[in-house]
Amino acid sequence: MLSLRNTDHIYLYSKFTDMRKGFNGLSNIVISLMELDVTNGDIFVFINRSKDKLKLLRFEKGGFSLYYKRLEKGRFELPKGFDKQKNISLSSTEIMMIIEGVSLEKRGQKVRF
């Protein structure tokens, strides 16, 4: 079960990823290419080239957790500038919108106090 908090730090890897990679392969991407600490509880998001598969990697007490979603139809919508940045920081709302198929471009979050 996927549970996200507003305080979670979520990073989207800005290159397409081979979805055959598991815990070790994705951890190596975080350490060597994203240059982040994989064991601090942050969530790391990876998407394949055809944008129909997504993996989330997180280190929790005792070990790694991996969430994997494969779409039967459609594609995940990526944020603007996906391939122009090294790491893209996302909010828990934004990643849930991506996972659920809500457009990031056409909908904006209303300003709250």
C-alpha atoms as a PDB file:
ATOM      1  CA  MET A   1       0.000   0.000   0.000  1.00  0.00           C
ATOM      2  CA  LEU A   2       1.308   3.421  -0.935  1.00  0.00           C
ATOM      3  CA  SER A   3       1.021   6.102   1.698  1.00  0.00           C
ATOM      4  CA  LEU A   4       2.450   9.577   1.277  1.00  0.00           C
ATOM      5  CA  ARG A   5       2.681  12.466   3.708  1.00  0.00           C
ATOM      6  CA  ASN A   6       2.898  16.180   2.943  1.00  0.00           C
ATOM      7  CA  THR A   7       6.304  16.197   4.649  1.00  0.00           C
ATOM      8  CA  ASP A   8       7.820  13.573   2.309  1.00  0.00           C
ATOM      9  CA  HIS A   9      10.640  14.667   0.013  1.00  0.00           C
ATOM     10  CA  ILE A  10       9.940  13.201  -3.420  1.00  0.00           C
ATOM     11  CA  TYR A  11      12.432  13.294  -6.289  1.00  0.00           C
ATOM     12  CA  LEU A  12      11.726  12.366  -9.892  1.00  0.00           C
ATOM     13  CA  TYR A  13      14.768  11.089 -11.795  1.00  0.00           C
ATOM     14  CA  SER A  14      14.925  13.210 -14.954  1.00  0.00           C
ATOM     15  CA  LYS A  15      15.949  10.465 -17.366  1.00  0.00           C
ATOM     16  CA  PHE A  16      14.038   7.421 -18.527  1.00  0.00           C
ATOM     17  CA  THR A  17      14.849   4.260 -16.588  1.00  0.00           C
ATOM     18  CA  ASP A  18      15.024   0.583 -17.487  1.00  0.00           C
ATOM     19  CA  MET A  19      12.186  -0.953 -15.448  1.00  0.00           C
ATOM     20  CA  ARG A  20      14.064  -4.247 -15.134  1.00  0.00           C
ATOM     21  CA  LYS A  21      16.139  -2.548 -12.442  1.00  0.00           C
ATOM     22  CA  GLY A  22      15.345  -3.582  -8.897  1.00  0.00           C
ATOM     23  CA  PHE A  23      16.318  -2.321  -5.477  1.00  0.00           C
ATOM     24  CA  ASN A  24      20.080  -2.344  -6.104  1.00  0.00           C
ATOM     25  CA  GLY A  25      19.977  -0.861  -9.617  1.00  0.00           C
ATOM     26  CA  LEU A  26      17.640   1.970  -8.609  1.00  0.00           C
ATOM     27  CA  SER A  27      19.660   2.637  -5.441  1.00  0.00           C
ATOM     28  CA  ASN A  28      22.791   2.961  -7.555  1.00  0.00           C
ATOM     29  CA  ILE A  29      21.049   5.564  -9.750  1.00  0.00           C
ATOM     30  CA  VAL A  30      20.123   7.589  -6.659  1.00  0.00           C
ATOM     31  CA  ILE A  31      23.638   7.457  -5.236  1.00  0.00           C
ATOM     32  CA  SER A  32      25.758   7.883  -8.358  1.00  0.00           C
ATOM     33  CA  LEU A  33      23.616   9.876 -10.802  1.00  0.00           C
ATOM     34  CA  MET A  34      21.181  11.806  -8.617  1.00  0.00           C
ATOM     35  CA  GLU A  35      23.882  12.288  -5.962  1.00  0.00           C
ATOM     36  CA  LEU A  36      21.421  11.893  -3.082  1.00  0.00           C
ATOM     37  CA  ASP A  37      21.325   9.731   0.045  1.00  0.00           C
ATOM     38  CA  VAL A  38      19.110   6.734  -0.659  1.00  0.00           C
ATOM     39  CA  THR A  39      18.728   5.759   3.024  1.00  0.00           C
ATOM     40  CA  ASN A  40      17.292   8.977   4.467  1.00  0.00           C
ATOM     41  CA  GLY A  41      13.604   8.120   3.873  1.00  0.00           C
ATOM     42  CA  ASP A  42      13.083  10.239   0.755  1.00  0.00           C
ATOM     43  CA  ILE A  43      11.020   8.834  -2.120  1.00  0.00           C
ATOM     44  CA  PHE A  44      12.619   8.424  -5.542  1.00  0.00           C
ATOM     45  CA  VAL A  45      10.475   8.117  -8.684  1.00  0.00           C
ATOM     46  CA  PHE A  46      11.540   6.465 -11.947  1.00  0.00           C
ATOM     47  CA  ILE A  47       9.636   6.304 -15.263  1.00  0.00           C
ATOM     48  CA  ASN A  48      10.347   4.250 -18.384  1.00  0.00           C
ATOM     49  CA  ARG A  49      10.744   5.605 -21.923  1.00  0.00           C
ATOM     50  CA  SER A  50       7.216   4.694 -23.044  1.00  0.00           C
ATOM     51  CA  LYS A  51       5.847   6.394 -19.890  1.00  0.00           C
ATOM     52  CA  ASP A  52       3.550   3.507 -18.995  1.00  0.00           C
ATOM     53  CA  LYS A  53       5.552   2.149 -16.047  1.00  0.00           C
ATOM     54  CA  LEU A  54       6.529   3.901 -12.825  1.00  0.00           C
ATOM     55  CA  LYS A  55       8.530   2.819  -9.772  1.00  0.00           C
ATOM     56  CA  LEU A  56       8.862   4.517  -6.390  1.00  0.00           C
ATOM     57  CA  LEU A  57      11.776   3.578  -4.138  1.00  0.00           C
ATOM     58  CA  ARG A  58      11.919   4.381  -0.429  1.00  0.00           C
ATOM     59  CA  PHE A  59      14.088   3.261   2.452  1.00  0.00           C
ATOM     60  CA  GLU A  60      12.053   2.576   5.586  1.00  0.00           C
ATOM     61  CA  LYS A  61      12.969   1.025   8.924  1.00  0.00           C
ATOM     62  CA  GLY A  62      14.477  -2.325   8.146  1.00  0.00           C
ATOM     63  CA  GLY A  63      14.900  -2.021   4.390  1.00  0.00           C
ATOM     64  CA  PHE A  64      13.743  -0.792   1.013  1.00  0.00           C
ATOM     65  CA  SER A  65      10.174  -0.631  -0.301  1.00  0.00           C
ATOM     66  CA  LEU A  66       9.366  -0.577  -3.997  1.00  0.00           C
ATOM     67  CA  TYR A  67       6.045   0.520  -5.498  1.00  0.00           C
ATOM     68  CA  TYR A  68       5.497  -0.426  -9.145  1.00  0.00           C
ATOM     69  CA  LYS A  69       2.630   0.653 -11.386  1.00  0.00           C
ATOM     70  CA  ARG A  70       2.088  -0.459 -14.980  1.00  0.00           C
ATOM     71  CA  LEU A  71      -0.637   1.178 -17.024  1.00  0.00           C
ATOM     72  CA  GLU A  72      -2.774  -0.946 -19.317  1.00  0.00           C
ATOM     73  CA  LYS A  73      -3.810   2.164 -21.301  1.00  0.00           C
ATOM     74  CA  GLY A  74      -2.392   5.641 -21.572  1.00  0.00           C
ATOM     75  CA  ARG A  75       0.810   7.226 -20.310  1.00  0.00           C
ATOM     76  CA  PHE A  76       1.970   9.062 -17.230  1.00  0.00           C
ATOM     77  CA  GLU A  77       2.123  12.811 -17.729  1.00  0.00           C
ATOM     78  CA  LEU A  78       5.482  14.247 -16.770  1.00  0.00           C
ATOM     79  CA  PRO A  79       6.095  17.740 -15.400  1.00  0.00           C
ATOM     80  CA  LYS A  80       7.378  20.476 -17.699  1.00  0.00           C
ATOM     81  CA  GLY A  81      11.146  20.467 -18.079  1.00  0.00           C
ATOM     82  CA  PHE A  82      11.434  16.748 -17.281  1.00  0.00           C
ATOM     83  CA  ASP A  83      14.591  16.235 -19.348  1.00  0.00           C
ATOM     84  CA  LYS A  84      16.175  19.612 -18.580  1.00  0.00           C
ATOM     85  CA  GLN A  85      16.806  19.219 -14.844  1.00  0.00           C
ATOM     86  CA  LYS A  86      18.961  16.812 -12.877  1.00  0.00           C
ATOM     87  CA  ASN A  87      16.388  15.996 -10.180  1.00  0.00           C
ATOM     88  CA  ILE A  88      12.809  17.215 -10.058  1.00  0.00           C
ATOM     89  CA  SER A  89      11.333  17.792  -6.628  1.00  0.00           C
ATOM     90  CA  LEU A  90       7.636  16.902  -6.367  1.00  0.00           C
ATOM     91  CA  SER A  91       5.008  17.317  -3.679  1.00  0.00           C
ATOM     92  CA  SER A  92       2.928  14.380  -2.485  1.00  0.00           C
ATOM     93  CA  THR A  93      -0.043  15.921  -4.307  1.00  0.00           C
ATOM     94  CA  GLU A  94       1.849  16.135  -7.599  1.00  0.00           C
ATOM     95  CA  ILE A  95       3.042  12.522  -7.521  1.00  0.00           C
ATOM     96  CA  MET A  96      -0.459  11.308  -6.690  1.00  0.00           C
ATOM     97  CA  MET A  97      -1.799  13.335  -9.632  1.00  0.00           C
ATOM     98  CA  ILE A  98       0.778  11.692 -11.909  1.00  0.00           C
ATOM     99  CA  ILE A  99      -0.086   8.212 -10.603  1.00  0.00           C
ATOM    100  CA  GLU A 100      -3.845   8.771 -10.886  1.00  0.00           C
ATOM    101  CA  GLY A 101      -3.662  10.338 -14.349  1.00  0.00           C
ATOM    102  CA  VAL A 102      -4.701  13.877 -13.466  1.00  0.00           C
ATOM    103  CA  SER A 103      -3.202  16.474 -15.801  1.00  0.00           C
ATOM    104  CA  LEU A 104      -0.557  18.648 -14.185  1.00  0.00           C
ATOM    105  CA  GLU A 105      -0.771  21.286 -16.925  1.00  0.00           C
ATOM    106  CA  LYS A 106      -4.491  21.916 -17.101  1.00  0.00           C
ATOM    107  CA  ARG A 107      -5.108  21.957 -13.392  1.00  0.00           C
ATOM    108  CA  GLY A 108      -3.416  24.226 -10.943  1.00  0.00           C
ATOM    109  CA  GLN A 109      -3.591  24.129  -7.214  1.00  0.00           C
ATOM    110  CA  LYS A 110      -5.562  26.982  -5.743  1.00  0.00           C
ATOM    111  CA  VAL A 111      -3.696  29.361  -3.483  1.00  0.00           C
ATOM    112  CA  ARG A 112      -4.407  28.725   0.174  1.00  0.00           C
ATOM    113  CA  PHE A 113      -3.383  30.785   3.166  1.00  0.00           C
END
